[in-house]
Amino acid sequence: MSYQVSPVFPKVGHPQFVVGTDAEGHWIARDRADLVGGIFISREAAIDFVEFETEHDPAAVEVLPQPVHLTLAGALPA
């Protein structure tokens, strides 16, 4: 018996993750639902994280010129 596993972030028409710097210059990568993300030492490390999370889907990441905020509001119970 085999099961089909749905991806956590199914491919859609827009990137699932954004990468950019915060107001203090830290590199941030986070998903658009604020459930997954982190602070990274470099742009390359942030993009490597996104590539790992999305099985190397180049369309899954957007590098933003404006500041990115890391909240992960959905990660902890209220």
N, C-alpha and C. Protein backbone atom coordinates (compact mmCIF):
# COMPACT_ATOMS: atom_id res chain seq x y z
N MET A 1 0.84 -1.16 0.00
CA MET A 1 0.00 0.00 0.00
C MET A 1 0.89 1.23 0.00
N SER A 2 0.64 2.20 -0.87
CA SER A 2 1.43 3.43 -0.90
C SER A 2 0.51 4.62 -0.68
N TYR A 3 1.10 5.65 -0.14
CA TYR A 3 0.35 6.87 0.17
C TYR A 3 0.98 8.04 -0.56
N GLN A 4 0.16 8.94 -1.01
CA GLN A 4 0.62 10.19 -1.58
C GLN A 4 0.70 11.23 -0.47
N VAL A 5 1.84 11.89 -0.35
CA VAL A 5 2.00 12.92 0.67
C VAL A 5 1.90 14.27 -0.01
N SER A 6 1.03 15.11 0.49
CA SER A 6 0.89 16.46 -0.05
C SER A 6 2.03 17.33 0.46
N PRO A 7 2.62 18.15 -0.38
CA PRO A 7 3.67 19.05 0.10
C PRO A 7 3.07 20.09 1.04
N VAL A 8 3.87 20.52 1.99
CA VAL A 8 3.42 21.55 2.93
C VAL A 8 3.13 22.84 2.19
N PHE A 9 3.96 23.17 1.22
CA PHE A 9 3.80 24.39 0.43
C PHE A 9 3.62 24.00 -1.03
N PRO A 10 2.40 23.72 -1.46
CA PRO A 10 2.20 23.32 -2.85
C PRO A 10 2.62 24.45 -3.79
N LYS A 11 3.06 24.08 -4.97
CA LYS A 11 3.48 25.08 -5.94
C LYS A 11 2.27 25.91 -6.37
N VAL A 12 2.45 27.20 -6.33
CA VAL A 12 1.40 28.12 -6.72
C VAL A 12 2.01 29.16 -7.65
N GLY A 13 1.23 30.14 -8.04
CA GLY A 13 1.69 31.14 -8.99
C GLY A 13 2.66 32.16 -8.45
N HIS A 14 2.90 32.20 -7.16
CA HIS A 14 3.84 33.18 -6.59
C HIS A 14 4.81 32.47 -5.65
N PRO A 15 5.97 33.07 -5.39
CA PRO A 15 6.95 32.43 -4.51
C PRO A 15 6.39 32.19 -3.12
N GLN A 16 6.78 31.07 -2.52
CA GLN A 16 6.32 30.74 -1.18
C GLN A 16 7.19 31.36 -0.10
N PHE A 17 8.45 31.69 -0.44
CA PHE A 17 9.38 32.27 0.52
C PHE A 17 9.90 33.61 0.04
N VAL A 18 10.21 34.48 0.99
CA VAL A 18 10.88 35.73 0.68
C VAL A 18 12.21 35.75 1.43
N VAL A 19 13.19 36.39 0.80
CA VAL A 19 14.51 36.57 1.39
C VAL A 19 14.85 38.05 1.28
N GLY A 20 15.45 38.58 2.34
CA GLY A 20 15.89 39.97 2.34
C GLY A 20 16.54 40.29 3.67
N THR A 21 16.89 41.54 3.84
CA THR A 21 17.50 41.95 5.10
C THR A 21 16.46 42.67 5.96
N ASP A 22 16.67 42.57 7.27
CA ASP A 22 15.80 43.32 8.18
C ASP A 22 16.40 44.71 8.39
N ALA A 23 15.80 45.51 9.24
CA ALA A 23 16.24 46.88 9.46
C ALA A 23 17.66 46.96 10.03
N GLU A 24 18.13 45.87 10.65
CA GLU A 24 19.47 45.86 11.23
C GLU A 24 20.50 45.19 10.33
N GLY A 25 20.11 44.78 9.13
CA GLY A 25 21.04 44.20 8.17
C GLY A 25 21.18 42.70 8.24
N HIS A 26 20.39 42.01 9.07
CA HIS A 26 20.43 40.54 9.14
C HIS A 26 19.70 39.96 7.94
N TRP A 27 20.21 38.85 7.42
CA TRP A 27 19.52 38.18 6.31
C TRP A 27 18.39 37.32 6.86
N ILE A 28 17.20 37.50 6.31
CA ILE A 28 16.00 36.81 6.76
C ILE A 28 15.44 35.99 5.60
N ALA A 29 15.00 34.78 5.91
CA ALA A 29 14.22 33.97 4.97
C ALA A 29 12.98 33.53 5.73
N ARG A 30 11.82 33.68 5.11
CA ARG A 30 10.58 33.24 5.75
C ARG A 30 9.55 32.91 4.69
N ASP A 31 8.63 32.02 5.07
CA ASP A 31 7.56 31.71 4.14
C ASP A 31 6.48 32.78 4.27
N ARG A 32 5.61 32.85 3.29
CA ARG A 32 4.59 33.90 3.29
C ARG A 32 3.51 33.70 4.35
N ALA A 33 3.43 32.51 4.92
CA ALA A 33 2.45 32.25 5.98
C ALA A 33 3.02 32.52 7.37
N ASP A 34 4.29 32.94 7.46
CA ASP A 34 4.97 33.20 8.73
C ASP A 34 5.00 31.98 9.64
N LEU A 35 5.21 30.80 9.04
CA LEU A 35 5.30 29.58 9.83
C LEU A 35 6.73 29.03 9.89
N VAL A 36 7.52 29.31 8.86
CA VAL A 36 8.88 28.78 8.74
C VAL A 36 9.81 29.91 8.36
N GLY A 37 10.97 29.96 8.99
CA GLY A 37 11.94 30.97 8.61
C GLY A 37 13.08 31.04 9.59
N GLY A 38 13.97 32.00 9.35
CA GLY A 38 15.11 32.16 10.24
C GLY A 38 15.97 33.35 9.87
N ILE A 39 16.98 33.57 10.69
CA ILE A 39 17.98 34.62 10.49
C ILE A 39 19.26 33.92 10.04
N PHE A 40 19.90 34.46 9.01
CA PHE A 40 21.05 33.79 8.41
C PHE A 40 22.23 34.74 8.30
N ILE A 41 23.42 34.15 8.20
CA ILE A 41 24.66 34.91 8.18
C ILE A 41 24.90 35.58 6.82
N SER A 42 24.28 35.04 5.77
CA SER A 42 24.49 35.60 4.44
C SER A 42 23.26 35.36 3.56
N ARG A 43 23.24 36.05 2.45
CA ARG A 43 22.17 35.87 1.46
C ARG A 43 22.19 34.42 0.96
N GLU A 44 23.38 33.91 0.69
CA GLU A 44 23.52 32.55 0.18
C GLU A 44 22.98 31.53 1.17
N ALA A 45 23.24 31.73 2.46
CA ALA A 45 22.74 30.79 3.48
C ALA A 45 21.22 30.83 3.54
N ALA A 46 20.63 32.02 3.41
CA ALA A 46 19.17 32.15 3.43
C ALA A 46 18.56 31.44 2.22
N ILE A 47 19.16 31.61 1.06
CA ILE A 47 18.65 30.97 -0.14
C ILE A 47 18.85 29.45 -0.07
N ASP A 48 19.98 29.00 0.48
CA ASP A 48 20.19 27.56 0.67
C ASP A 48 19.08 26.95 1.54
N PHE A 49 18.69 27.67 2.60
CA PHE A 49 17.60 27.21 3.46
C PHE A 49 16.30 27.06 2.67
N VAL A 50 15.98 28.07 1.86
CA VAL A 50 14.75 28.02 1.06
C VAL A 50 14.82 26.88 0.06
N GLU A 51 15.97 26.70 -0.58
CA GLU A 51 16.10 25.62 -1.53
C GLU A 51 15.89 24.26 -0.86
N PHE A 52 16.42 24.09 0.34
CA PHE A 52 16.21 22.84 1.07
C PHE A 52 14.73 22.65 1.39
N GLU A 53 14.08 23.70 1.85
CA GLU A 53 12.67 23.62 2.25
C GLU A 53 11.74 23.36 1.06
N THR A 54 12.14 23.76 -0.13
CA THR A 54 11.27 23.66 -1.31
C THR A 54 11.77 22.65 -2.32
N GLU A 55 12.67 21.77 -1.91
CA GLU A 55 13.23 20.75 -2.81
C GLU A 55 13.85 21.39 -4.05
N HIS A 56 14.58 22.47 -3.85
CA HIS A 56 15.35 23.17 -4.89
C HIS A 56 14.49 23.74 -6.01
N ASP A 57 13.33 24.27 -5.65
CA ASP A 57 12.45 24.90 -6.63
C ASP A 57 12.85 26.37 -6.77
N PRO A 58 13.48 26.76 -7.88
CA PRO A 58 13.95 28.14 -8.02
C PRO A 58 12.82 29.16 -8.05
N ALA A 59 11.61 28.74 -8.38
CA ALA A 59 10.49 29.67 -8.42
C ALA A 59 9.88 29.92 -7.04
N ALA A 60 10.40 29.25 -6.01
CA ALA A 60 9.80 29.33 -4.68
C ALA A 60 10.32 30.50 -3.86
N VAL A 61 11.31 31.22 -4.35
CA VAL A 61 11.92 32.29 -3.56
C VAL A 61 11.90 33.61 -4.31
N GLU A 62 11.65 34.66 -3.56
CA GLU A 62 11.72 36.02 -4.09
C GLU A 62 12.63 36.82 -3.16
N VAL A 63 13.67 37.45 -3.73
CA VAL A 63 14.56 38.30 -2.94
C VAL A 63 14.00 39.70 -3.02
N LEU A 64 13.69 40.27 -1.85
CA LEU A 64 13.04 41.58 -1.78
C LEU A 64 14.04 42.70 -1.52
N PRO A 65 13.85 43.84 -2.17
CA PRO A 65 14.74 44.98 -1.91
C PRO A 65 14.38 45.72 -0.62
N GLN A 66 13.13 45.63 -0.20
CA GLN A 66 12.69 46.32 1.02
C GLN A 66 12.94 45.43 2.24
N PRO A 67 12.95 46.01 3.44
CA PRO A 67 13.20 45.21 4.66
C PRO A 67 12.19 44.08 4.83
N VAL A 68 12.68 42.95 5.32
CA VAL A 68 11.87 41.78 5.60
C VAL A 68 11.81 41.61 7.11
N HIS A 69 10.64 41.31 7.63
CA HIS A 69 10.47 41.12 9.07
C HIS A 69 10.23 39.65 9.35
N LEU A 70 10.85 39.15 10.42
CA LEU A 70 10.65 37.77 10.84
C LEU A 70 9.77 37.77 12.07
N THR A 71 8.55 37.28 11.93
CA THR A 71 7.64 37.24 13.07
C THR A 71 7.30 35.83 13.48
N LEU A 72 7.11 34.94 12.51
CA LEU A 72 6.73 33.55 12.77
C LEU A 72 5.55 33.48 13.74
N ALA A 73 4.59 34.35 13.53
CA ALA A 73 3.43 34.46 14.41
C ALA A 73 2.65 33.17 14.54
N GLY A 74 2.60 32.38 13.50
CA GLY A 74 1.83 31.15 13.55
C GLY A 74 2.57 29.99 14.18
N ALA A 75 3.84 30.17 14.55
CA ALA A 75 4.64 29.06 15.06
C ALA A 75 4.35 28.72 16.52
N LEU A 76 3.91 29.68 17.29
CA LEU A 76 3.67 29.45 18.72
C LEU A 76 2.20 29.64 19.06
N PRO A 77 1.68 28.86 19.99
CA PRO A 77 0.30 29.07 20.40
C PRO A 77 0.12 30.42 21.07
N ALA A 78 -1.04 31.01 20.91
CA ALA A 78 -1.32 32.34 21.47
C ALA A 78 -1.48 32.28 22.97
